[in-house]
């Protein structure tokens, strides 16, 4: 198997750690005896594949998924270890690609004159409604 490509960066095979176990679920004796479940680990915190700023952004965005600085992807969808490995590679690449995209900055906007007028009119209308609920003033 080859390296995992994330955008213009490539994670070499030696930085990926694979673990295999029985997947359970349907499949009978095959599922009980074959190590088809795949766990792919990548040490994002200890890797030097990505530039520092990109790596920091990825660590921040993936902090809820990290275990000791490692990104872990587990796949047991297929009865084939080979297919599960391919799915795990794709998921890791997609996860890291999404995490490295810089957040879009919000552009400040001002309310339009029409929206200000609508808001003022609504406030006047609300005020009138509340005035009508009061007890009448006695002379």
N, C-alpha and C. Protein backbone atom coordinates (compact mmCIF):
# COMPACT_ATOMS: atom_id res chain seq x y z
N UNK A 1 0.84 -1.19 0.00
CA UNK A 1 0.00 0.00 0.00
C UNK A 1 0.89 1.25 0.00
N UNK A 2 0.34 2.29 -0.57
CA UNK A 2 1.10 3.53 -0.74
C UNK A 2 0.81 4.51 0.39
N UNK A 3 1.46 5.65 0.32
CA UNK A 3 1.27 6.71 1.30
C UNK A 3 -0.12 7.32 1.15
N UNK A 4 -0.56 8.02 2.20
CA UNK A 4 -1.85 8.71 2.18
C UNK A 4 -1.61 10.15 1.74
N UNK A 5 -2.36 10.60 0.72
CA UNK A 5 -2.21 11.96 0.20
C UNK A 5 -3.32 12.84 0.76
N UNK A 6 -2.91 13.97 1.36
CA UNK A 6 -3.85 14.94 1.93
C UNK A 6 -3.52 16.28 1.30
N UNK A 7 -4.35 16.72 0.35
CA UNK A 7 -4.06 17.95 -0.37
C UNK A 7 -2.75 17.81 -1.12
N UNK A 8 -1.80 18.69 -0.86
CA UNK A 8 -0.50 18.59 -1.54
C UNK A 8 0.55 17.90 -0.67
N UNK A 9 0.12 17.39 0.47
CA UNK A 9 1.03 16.71 1.39
C UNK A 9 0.84 15.20 1.30
N UNK A 10 1.92 14.49 1.58
CA UNK A 10 1.86 13.03 1.53
C UNK A 10 2.39 12.45 2.84
N UNK A 11 1.56 11.62 3.47
CA UNK A 11 1.96 10.97 4.72
C UNK A 11 2.62 9.65 4.35
N UNK A 12 3.90 9.47 4.66
CA UNK A 12 4.57 8.22 4.30
C UNK A 12 4.02 7.03 5.08
N UNK A 13 4.14 5.86 4.49
CA UNK A 13 3.61 4.63 5.08
C UNK A 13 4.19 4.36 6.46
N UNK A 14 5.45 4.73 6.69
CA UNK A 14 6.08 4.42 7.97
C UNK A 14 5.54 5.28 9.13
N UNK A 15 4.76 6.34 8.83
CA UNK A 15 4.14 7.14 9.88
C UNK A 15 2.73 6.65 10.22
N UNK A 16 2.25 5.66 9.49
CA UNK A 16 0.93 5.09 9.74
C UNK A 16 1.09 3.80 10.55
N UNK A 17 0.24 3.65 11.54
CA UNK A 17 0.28 2.43 12.35
C UNK A 17 -1.03 1.67 12.14
N UNK A 18 -0.92 0.42 11.74
CA UNK A 18 -2.08 -0.42 11.46
C UNK A 18 -2.25 -1.44 12.57
N UNK A 19 -3.50 -1.69 12.97
CA UNK A 19 -3.83 -2.76 13.90
C UNK A 19 -5.04 -3.49 13.33
N UNK A 20 -5.07 -4.78 13.53
CA UNK A 20 -6.14 -5.59 12.97
C UNK A 20 -6.72 -6.48 14.07
N UNK A 21 -8.03 -6.70 14.01
CA UNK A 21 -8.69 -7.57 14.98
C UNK A 21 -9.94 -8.15 14.33
N UNK A 22 -10.59 -9.06 15.04
CA UNK A 22 -11.82 -9.64 14.50
C UNK A 22 -12.91 -8.59 14.57
N UNK A 23 -13.78 -8.58 13.57
CA UNK A 23 -14.76 -7.53 13.48
C UNK A 23 -16.05 -7.84 14.21
N UNK A 24 -16.39 -9.11 14.41
CA UNK A 24 -17.66 -9.43 15.02
C UNK A 24 -18.79 -9.19 14.04
N UNK A 25 -20.01 -9.24 14.50
CA UNK A 25 -21.15 -9.02 13.62
C UNK A 25 -21.39 -10.22 12.73
N UNK A 26 -22.17 -10.04 11.65
CA UNK A 26 -22.49 -11.17 10.78
C UNK A 26 -21.26 -11.67 10.05
N UNK A 27 -21.28 -12.93 9.67
CA UNK A 27 -20.16 -13.51 8.95
C UNK A 27 -19.77 -14.86 9.49
N UNK A 28 -20.38 -15.26 10.58
CA UNK A 28 -20.14 -16.58 11.13
C UNK A 28 -18.69 -16.81 11.51
N UNK A 29 -18.19 -18.00 11.17
CA UNK A 29 -16.84 -18.38 11.56
C UNK A 29 -15.80 -17.45 10.93
N UNK A 30 -16.08 -16.97 9.71
CA UNK A 30 -15.13 -16.06 9.05
C UNK A 30 -14.92 -14.81 9.91
N UNK A 31 -16.03 -14.22 10.39
CA UNK A 31 -15.94 -13.00 11.21
C UNK A 31 -15.25 -13.28 12.54
N UNK A 32 -15.43 -14.50 13.05
CA UNK A 32 -14.84 -14.83 14.36
C UNK A 32 -13.35 -15.13 14.27
N UNK A 33 -12.88 -15.55 13.11
CA UNK A 33 -11.49 -16.01 12.99
C UNK A 33 -10.59 -15.08 12.17
N UNK A 34 -11.18 -14.20 11.36
CA UNK A 34 -10.36 -13.35 10.47
C UNK A 34 -10.19 -11.96 11.05
N UNK A 35 -8.99 -11.45 10.96
CA UNK A 35 -8.70 -10.10 11.45
C UNK A 35 -9.03 -9.08 10.37
N UNK A 36 -10.32 -8.80 10.18
CA UNK A 36 -10.74 -7.89 9.12
C UNK A 36 -10.99 -6.47 9.62
N UNK A 37 -11.19 -6.28 10.92
CA UNK A 37 -11.39 -4.95 11.47
C UNK A 37 -10.06 -4.21 11.43
N UNK A 38 -10.09 -2.97 10.93
CA UNK A 38 -8.87 -2.20 10.73
C UNK A 38 -8.88 -0.96 11.63
N UNK A 39 -7.77 -0.71 12.31
CA UNK A 39 -7.59 0.50 13.09
C UNK A 39 -6.34 1.19 12.54
N UNK A 40 -6.54 2.38 12.00
CA UNK A 40 -5.43 3.14 11.42
C UNK A 40 -5.12 4.30 12.35
N UNK A 41 -3.86 4.41 12.77
CA UNK A 41 -3.43 5.48 13.67
C UNK A 41 -2.38 6.34 12.97
N UNK A 42 -2.53 7.66 13.16
CA UNK A 42 -1.55 8.60 12.62
C UNK A 42 -1.23 9.61 13.72
N UNK A 43 0.05 9.72 14.07
CA UNK A 43 0.48 10.63 15.12
C UNK A 43 0.63 12.03 14.53
N UNK A 44 -0.47 12.77 14.54
CA UNK A 44 -0.49 14.12 13.98
C UNK A 44 0.40 15.06 14.78
N UNK A 45 0.40 14.92 16.09
CA UNK A 45 1.21 15.80 16.94
C UNK A 45 2.71 15.58 16.77
N UNK A 46 3.12 14.36 16.46
CA UNK A 46 4.54 14.05 16.34
C UNK A 46 5.05 14.01 14.91
N UNK A 47 4.19 14.29 13.96
CA UNK A 47 4.58 14.22 12.55
C UNK A 47 5.16 15.55 12.08
N UNK A 48 6.04 15.47 11.09
CA UNK A 48 6.58 16.71 10.50
C UNK A 48 6.19 16.81 9.03
N UNK A 49 5.11 16.14 8.64
CA UNK A 49 4.62 16.18 7.25
C UNK A 49 4.04 17.55 6.92
N UNK A 50 3.31 18.13 7.88
CA UNK A 50 2.59 19.39 7.64
C UNK A 50 3.36 20.56 8.23
N UNK A 51 3.26 21.76 7.61
CA UNK A 51 3.88 22.96 8.20
C UNK A 51 3.28 23.25 9.58
N UNK A 52 4.01 23.97 10.41
CA UNK A 52 3.59 24.21 11.79
C UNK A 52 2.21 24.85 11.90
N UNK A 53 1.94 25.89 11.09
CA UNK A 53 0.65 26.57 11.19
C UNK A 53 -0.50 25.65 10.80
N UNK A 54 -0.30 24.85 9.76
CA UNK A 54 -1.34 23.91 9.31
C UNK A 54 -1.53 22.83 10.37
N UNK A 55 -0.43 22.35 10.92
CA UNK A 55 -0.50 21.30 11.94
C UNK A 55 -1.24 21.79 13.18
N UNK A 56 -0.95 23.03 13.61
CA UNK A 56 -1.64 23.60 14.78
C UNK A 56 -3.14 23.69 14.53
N UNK A 57 -3.51 24.17 13.32
CA UNK A 57 -4.92 24.29 12.97
C UNK A 57 -5.60 22.92 13.00
N UNK A 58 -4.92 21.91 12.44
CA UNK A 58 -5.48 20.57 12.41
C UNK A 58 -5.63 20.00 13.83
N UNK A 59 -4.63 20.23 14.67
CA UNK A 59 -4.71 19.75 16.06
C UNK A 59 -5.87 20.42 16.80
N UNK A 60 -6.06 21.72 16.56
CA UNK A 60 -7.16 22.44 17.21
C UNK A 60 -8.52 21.89 16.75
N UNK A 61 -8.66 21.69 15.44
CA UNK A 61 -9.95 21.27 14.90
C UNK A 61 -10.27 19.81 15.18
N UNK A 62 -9.23 19.00 15.41
CA UNK A 62 -9.44 17.57 15.67
C UNK A 62 -9.24 17.19 17.13
N UNK A 63 -9.14 18.18 18.02
CA UNK A 63 -8.80 17.86 19.40
C UNK A 63 -9.77 16.89 20.05
N UNK A 64 -11.04 16.90 19.66
CA UNK A 64 -12.01 15.98 20.25
C UNK A 64 -11.81 14.54 19.76
N UNK A 65 -11.09 14.35 18.66
CA UNK A 65 -10.85 13.01 18.10
C UNK A 65 -9.48 12.46 18.45
N UNK A 66 -8.62 13.30 18.97
CA UNK A 66 -7.24 12.88 19.22
C UNK A 66 -7.11 12.07 20.51
N UNK A 67 -6.26 11.06 20.46
CA UNK A 67 -5.90 10.29 21.64
C UNK A 67 -4.38 10.36 21.73
N UNK A 68 -3.87 11.11 22.68
CA UNK A 68 -2.42 11.34 22.84
C UNK A 68 -1.79 11.88 21.55
N UNK A 69 -2.47 12.80 20.89
CA UNK A 69 -1.95 13.41 19.66
C UNK A 69 -2.13 12.56 18.42
N UNK A 70 -2.78 11.41 18.55
CA UNK A 70 -2.99 10.51 17.41
C UNK A 70 -4.42 10.58 16.90
N UNK A 71 -4.55 10.57 15.57
CA UNK A 71 -5.86 10.47 14.94
C UNK A 71 -6.09 8.98 14.69
N UNK A 72 -7.25 8.48 15.12
CA UNK A 72 -7.54 7.06 14.98
C UNK A 72 -8.79 6.88 14.12
N UNK A 73 -8.67 6.03 13.10
CA UNK A 73 -9.81 5.70 12.24
C UNK A 73 -10.03 4.20 12.34
N UNK A 74 -11.26 3.80 12.67
CA UNK A 74 -11.59 2.38 12.80
C UNK A 74 -12.64 2.02 11.75
N UNK A 75 -12.39 0.93 11.01
CA UNK A 75 -13.32 0.48 9.97
C UNK A 75 -13.52 -1.02 10.09
N UNK A 76 -14.80 -1.43 10.12
CA UNK A 76 -15.10 -2.86 10.07
C UNK A 76 -16.35 -3.11 9.23
N UNK A 77 -16.50 -2.31 8.16
CA UNK A 77 -17.68 -2.38 7.31
C UNK A 77 -17.69 -3.61 6.40
N UNK A 78 -16.53 -3.97 5.92
CA UNK A 78 -16.43 -5.04 4.94
C UNK A 78 -15.91 -6.31 5.60
N UNK A 79 -16.13 -7.44 4.93
CA UNK A 79 -15.57 -8.70 5.42
C UNK A 79 -14.13 -8.88 4.95
N UNK A 80 -13.68 -7.91 4.13
CA UNK A 80 -12.34 -7.99 3.57
C UNK A 80 -11.42 -6.98 4.27
N UNK A 81 -10.29 -7.45 4.78
CA UNK A 81 -9.33 -6.54 5.41
C UNK A 81 -8.80 -5.54 4.39
N UNK A 82 -8.58 -6.00 3.16
CA UNK A 82 -8.05 -5.13 2.11
C UNK A 82 -9.00 -3.95 1.87
N UNK A 83 -10.30 -4.24 1.74
CA UNK A 83 -11.27 -3.16 1.51
C UNK A 83 -11.36 -2.23 2.72
N UNK A 84 -11.33 -2.80 3.91
CA UNK A 84 -11.37 -1.97 5.12
C UNK A 84 -10.14 -1.07 5.22
N UNK A 85 -8.99 -1.56 4.79
CA UNK A 85 -7.78 -0.73 4.77
C UNK A 85 -7.95 0.44 3.80
N UNK A 86 -8.50 0.16 2.63
CA UNK A 86 -8.71 1.22 1.63
C UNK A 86 -9.69 2.28 2.17
N UNK A 87 -10.77 1.82 2.81
CA UNK A 87 -11.76 2.75 3.39
C UNK A 87 -11.10 3.59 4.48
N UNK A 88 -10.28 2.96 5.32
CA UNK A 88 -9.61 3.69 6.41
C UNK A 88 -8.69 4.77 5.85
N UNK A 89 -7.95 4.46 4.79
CA UNK A 89 -7.07 5.46 4.16
C UNK A 89 -7.87 6.65 3.66
N UNK A 90 -8.98 6.36 2.97
CA UNK A 90 -9.82 7.45 2.43
C UNK A 90 -10.39 8.30 3.55
N UNK A 91 -10.85 7.66 4.62
CA UNK A 91 -11.43 8.41 5.75
C UNK A 91 -10.40 9.28 6.44
N UNK A 92 -9.20 8.75 6.64
CA UNK A 92 -8.14 9.54 7.27
C UNK A 92 -7.81 10.75 6.40
N UNK A 93 -7.67 10.52 5.09
CA UNK A 93 -7.35 11.62 4.18
C UNK A 93 -8.44 12.68 4.20
N UNK A 94 -9.72 12.25 4.18
CA UNK A 94 -10.84 13.20 4.19
C UNK A 94 -10.89 13.98 5.51
N UNK A 95 -10.66 13.28 6.61
CA UNK A 95 -10.69 13.90 7.93
C UNK A 95 -9.59 14.97 8.05
N UNK A 96 -8.38 14.63 7.62
CA UNK A 96 -7.27 15.58 7.70
C UNK A 96 -7.45 16.73 6.71
N UNK A 97 -7.98 16.44 5.53
CA UNK A 97 -8.19 17.49 4.53
C UNK A 97 -9.20 18.51 5.04
N UNK A 98 -10.26 18.02 5.67
CA UNK A 98 -11.28 18.93 6.21
C UNK A 98 -10.71 19.77 7.35
N UNK A 99 -9.86 19.16 8.16
CA UNK A 99 -9.29 19.86 9.32
C UNK A 99 -8.27 20.92 8.92
N UNK A 100 -7.63 20.77 7.75
CA UNK A 100 -6.60 21.73 7.38
C UNK A 100 -7.14 22.95 6.64
N UNK A 101 -8.42 22.95 6.30
CA UNK A 101 -9.01 24.10 5.62
C UNK A 101 -9.15 25.25 6.62
N UNK A 102 -8.60 26.42 6.29
CA UNK A 102 -8.71 27.54 7.24
C UNK A 102 -10.16 27.99 7.38
N UNK A 103 -10.57 28.42 8.57
CA UNK A 103 -11.96 28.86 8.76
C UNK A 103 -12.23 30.13 7.97
N UNK A 104 -13.45 30.25 7.48
CA UNK A 104 -13.85 31.42 6.71
C UNK A 104 -14.15 32.55 7.68
N UNK A 105 -13.56 33.71 7.46
CA UNK A 105 -13.77 34.87 8.32
C UNK A 105 -15.12 35.49 8.02
N UNK A 106 -15.84 35.88 9.06
CA UNK A 106 -17.13 36.52 8.89
C UNK A 106 -16.92 37.97 8.47
N UNK A 107 -17.69 38.38 7.48
CA UNK A 107 -17.62 39.77 7.03
C UNK A 107 -18.70 40.56 7.76
N UNK A 108 -18.29 41.63 8.42
CA UNK A 108 -19.26 42.45 9.14
C UNK A 108 -20.14 43.19 8.14
N UNK A 109 -21.43 43.21 8.44
CA UNK A 109 -22.36 43.95 7.58
C UNK A 109 -23.19 44.89 8.44
N UNK A 110 -23.71 45.93 7.83
CA UNK A 110 -24.57 46.86 8.54
C UNK A 110 -26.01 46.57 8.13
N UNK A 111 -26.96 46.75 9.06
CA UNK A 111 -28.36 46.55 8.67
C UNK A 111 -28.80 47.61 7.66
N UNK A 112 -29.65 47.20 6.75
CA UNK A 112 -30.13 48.15 5.73
C UNK A 112 -31.12 49.12 6.37
N UNK A 113 -31.39 50.20 5.68
CA UNK A 113 -32.34 51.19 6.20
C UNK A 113 -33.72 50.57 6.35
N UNK A 114 -34.11 49.75 5.36
CA UNK A 114 -35.42 49.11 5.40
C UNK A 114 -35.53 48.19 6.61
N UNK A 115 -34.46 47.44 6.92
CA UNK A 115 -34.54 46.54 8.07
C UNK A 115 -34.60 47.33 9.38
N UNK A 116 -33.91 48.48 9.43
CA UNK A 116 -34.01 49.33 10.62
C UNK A 116 -35.43 49.85 10.79
N UNK A 117 -36.04 50.28 9.67
CA UNK A 117 -37.41 50.79 9.72
C UNK A 117 -38.38 49.68 10.16
N UNK A 118 -38.21 48.48 9.61
CA UNK A 118 -39.08 47.36 10.00
C UNK A 118 -38.96 47.07 11.48
N UNK A 119 -37.73 47.10 11.99
CA UNK A 119 -37.51 46.83 13.42
C UNK A 119 -38.19 47.90 14.27
N UNK A 120 -38.04 49.18 13.89
CA UNK A 120 -38.66 50.27 14.66
C UNK A 120 -40.18 50.14 14.63
N UNK A 121 -40.73 49.80 13.47
CA UNK A 121 -42.19 49.64 13.34
C UNK A 121 -42.68 48.48 14.20
N UNK A 122 -41.94 47.40 14.21
CA UNK A 122 -42.31 46.24 15.04
C UNK A 122 -42.27 46.61 16.52
N UNK A 123 -41.28 47.41 16.91
CA UNK A 123 -41.18 47.84 18.31
C UNK A 123 -42.38 48.72 18.67
N UNK A 124 -42.76 49.62 17.76
CA UNK A 124 -43.93 50.47 18.02
C UNK A 124 -45.19 49.63 18.15
N UNK A 125 -45.33 48.67 17.26
CA UNK A 125 -46.51 47.80 17.26
C UNK A 125 -46.56 46.99 18.57
N UNK A 126 -45.43 46.46 18.99
CA UNK A 126 -45.35 45.67 20.22
C UNK A 126 -45.71 46.54 21.43
N UNK A 127 -45.22 47.77 21.42
CA UNK A 127 -45.49 48.71 22.51
C UNK A 127 -47.00 48.98 22.60
N UNK A 128 -47.63 49.18 21.46
CA UNK A 128 -49.09 49.42 21.42
C UNK A 128 -49.83 48.22 21.98
N UNK A 129 -49.43 47.03 21.57
CA UNK A 129 -50.08 45.81 22.05
C UNK A 129 -49.99 45.73 23.56
N UNK A 130 -48.84 46.04 24.12
CA UNK A 130 -48.66 45.96 25.57
C UNK A 130 -49.44 47.07 26.29
N UNK A 131 -49.55 48.25 25.68
CA UNK A 131 -50.34 49.34 26.28
C UNK A 131 -51.79 48.93 26.40
N UNK A 132 -52.31 48.24 25.38
CA UNK A 132 -53.71 47.82 25.37
C UNK A 132 -54.00 46.78 26.46
N UNK A 133 -52.98 46.09 26.93
CA UNK A 133 -53.18 45.07 27.97
C UNK A 133 -53.27 45.68 29.37
N UNK A 134 -52.80 46.94 29.52
CA UNK A 134 -52.79 47.57 30.84
C UNK A 134 -54.20 47.91 31.29
N UNK A 135 -54.33 48.05 32.58
CA UNK A 135 -55.62 48.50 33.12
C UNK A 135 -55.79 49.96 32.77
N UNK A 136 -56.99 50.38 32.49
CA UNK A 136 -57.19 51.81 32.15
C UNK A 136 -56.89 52.71 33.35
N UNK A 137 -56.37 53.89 33.05
CA UNK A 137 -56.04 54.84 34.11
C UNK A 137 -57.31 55.55 34.55
N UNK A 138 -57.48 55.69 35.87
CA UNK A 138 -58.65 56.37 36.39
C UNK A 138 -58.39 57.86 36.52
N UNK A 139 -59.41 58.71 36.22
CA UNK A 139 -59.20 60.16 36.27
C UNK A 139 -59.02 60.72 37.66
